[in-house]
Amino acid sequence: MRDKGMTRHEFAKFIAAAMIEPLDPEKPDPQDNGYNWGLAHAEMIFAGADLDAIKKMQGWLRAK
């Protein structure tokens, strides 16, 4: 029997469950926010996003 691995939908559900909800949405903890961005980027990569595009997006976010 062949193990087909995790589907994209299953992976997205795990990522959503692992994200940290800020106590104060107006002032999220930067460390928690960074953790959530990392999870979001992992989901993007699993979905086939280009790593260089993600890095460019990170640079854009830092420049804000």
C-alpha atoms as a PDB file:
ATOM      1  CA  MET A   1       0.000   0.000   0.000  1.00  0.00           C
ATOM      2  CA  ARG A   2       1.319   3.436  -0.964  1.00  0.00           C
ATOM      3  CA  ASP A   3       1.357   6.328   1.544  1.00  0.00           C
ATOM      4  CA  LYS A   4       0.246   9.402  -0.360  1.00  0.00           C
ATOM      5  CA  GLY A   5       1.222  11.816   2.409  1.00  0.00           C
ATOM      6  CA  MET A   6      -0.604  14.860   3.656  1.00  0.00           C
ATOM      7  CA  THR A   7      -2.852  16.824   1.332  1.00  0.00           C
ATOM      8  CA  ARG A   8      -2.581  20.571   0.930  1.00  0.00           C
ATOM      9  CA  HIS A   9      -5.924  21.017   2.695  1.00  0.00           C
ATOM     10  CA  GLU A  10      -4.853  18.870   5.678  1.00  0.00           C
ATOM     11  CA  PHE A  11      -1.598  20.825   5.940  1.00  0.00           C
ATOM     12  CA  ALA A  12      -3.491  24.148   5.885  1.00  0.00           C
ATOM     13  CA  LYS A  13      -5.723  22.937   8.740  1.00  0.00           C
ATOM     14  CA  PHE A  14      -2.670  22.025  10.844  1.00  0.00           C
ATOM     15  CA  ILE A  15      -1.084  25.409  10.132  1.00  0.00           C
ATOM     16  CA  ALA A  16      -4.268  27.255  11.123  1.00  0.00           C
ATOM     17  CA  ALA A  17      -4.471  25.285  14.371  1.00  0.00           C
ATOM     18  CA  ALA A  18      -0.837  26.063  15.219  1.00  0.00           C
ATOM     19  CA  MET A  19      -1.104  29.834  14.716  1.00  0.00           C
ATOM     20  CA  ILE A  20      -1.044  32.025  17.818  1.00  0.00           C
ATOM     21  CA  GLU A  21      -4.021  34.287  18.472  1.00  0.00           C
ATOM     22  CA  PRO A  22      -2.818  37.582  19.940  1.00  0.00           C
ATOM     23  CA  LEU A  23      -4.267  38.631  23.299  1.00  0.00           C
ATOM     24  CA  ASP A  24      -4.584  42.149  21.911  1.00  0.00           C
ATOM     25  CA  PRO A  25      -5.125  42.152  18.117  1.00  0.00           C
ATOM     26  CA  GLU A  26      -4.218  45.862  18.036  1.00  0.00           C
ATOM     27  CA  LYS A  27      -0.749  45.127  19.481  1.00  0.00           C
ATOM     28  CA  PRO A  28       0.353  41.571  18.621  1.00  0.00           C
ATOM     29  CA  ASP A  29       3.570  40.308  20.193  1.00  0.00           C
ATOM     30  CA  PRO A  30       6.278  40.607  17.495  1.00  0.00           C
ATOM     31  CA  GLN A  31       7.641  37.156  18.374  1.00  0.00           C
ATOM     32  CA  ASP A  32       4.201  35.577  17.984  1.00  0.00           C
ATOM     33  CA  ASN A  33       3.660  37.515  14.761  1.00  0.00           C
ATOM     34  CA  GLY A  34       7.004  36.240  13.406  1.00  0.00           C
ATOM     35  CA  TYR A  35       6.030  32.684  14.314  1.00  0.00           C
ATOM     36  CA  ASN A  36       2.727  33.054  12.455  1.00  0.00           C
ATOM     37  CA  TRP A  37       4.499  34.487   9.390  1.00  0.00           C
ATOM     38  CA  GLY A  38       6.815  31.470   9.419  1.00  0.00           C
ATOM     39  CA  LEU A  39       3.842  29.125   9.473  1.00  0.00           C
ATOM     40  CA  ALA A  40       2.164  31.058   6.661  1.00  0.00           C
ATOM     41  CA  HIS A  41       5.329  30.880   4.569  1.00  0.00           C
ATOM     42  CA  ALA A  42       5.553  27.120   5.154  1.00  0.00           C
ATOM     43  CA  GLU A  43       1.988  26.759   3.894  1.00  0.00           C
ATOM     44  CA  MET A  44       2.814  28.891   0.840  1.00  0.00           C
ATOM     45  CA  ILE A  45       5.834  26.709   0.037  1.00  0.00           C
ATOM     46  CA  PHE A  46       3.748  23.528   0.433  1.00  0.00           C
ATOM     47  CA  ALA A  47       1.251  25.051  -2.014  1.00  0.00           C
ATOM     48  CA  GLY A  48       4.010  25.615  -4.564  1.00  0.00           C
ATOM     49  CA  ALA A  49       4.990  29.245  -3.966  1.00  0.00           C
ATOM     50  CA  ASP A  50       8.373  30.374  -5.226  1.00  0.00           C
ATOM     51  CA  LEU A  51      10.913  30.790  -2.397  1.00  0.00           C
ATOM     52  CA  ASP A  52      12.460  33.837  -4.072  1.00  0.00           C
ATOM     53  CA  ALA A  53       9.040  35.510  -4.196  1.00  0.00           C
ATOM     54  CA  ILE A  54       8.579  34.891  -0.468  1.00  0.00           C
ATOM     55  CA  LYS A  55      12.000  36.401   0.251  1.00  0.00           C
ATOM     56  CA  LYS A  56      11.114  39.467  -1.831  1.00  0.00           C
ATOM     57  CA  MET A  57       7.880  39.797   0.127  1.00  0.00           C
ATOM     58  CA  GLN A  58       9.841  39.636   3.396  1.00  0.00           C
ATOM     59  CA  GLY A  59      12.080  42.458   2.180  1.00  0.00           C
ATOM     60  CA  TRP A  60       9.036  44.532   1.283  1.00  0.00           C
ATOM     61  CA  LEU A  61       7.507  43.955   4.722  1.00  0.00           C
ATOM     62  CA  ARG A  62      10.735  44.980   6.475  1.00  0.00           C
ATOM     63  CA  ALA A  63      10.855  48.191   4.462  1.00  0.00           C
ATOM     64  CA  LYS A  64       7.371  49.237   5.633  1.00  0.00           C
END
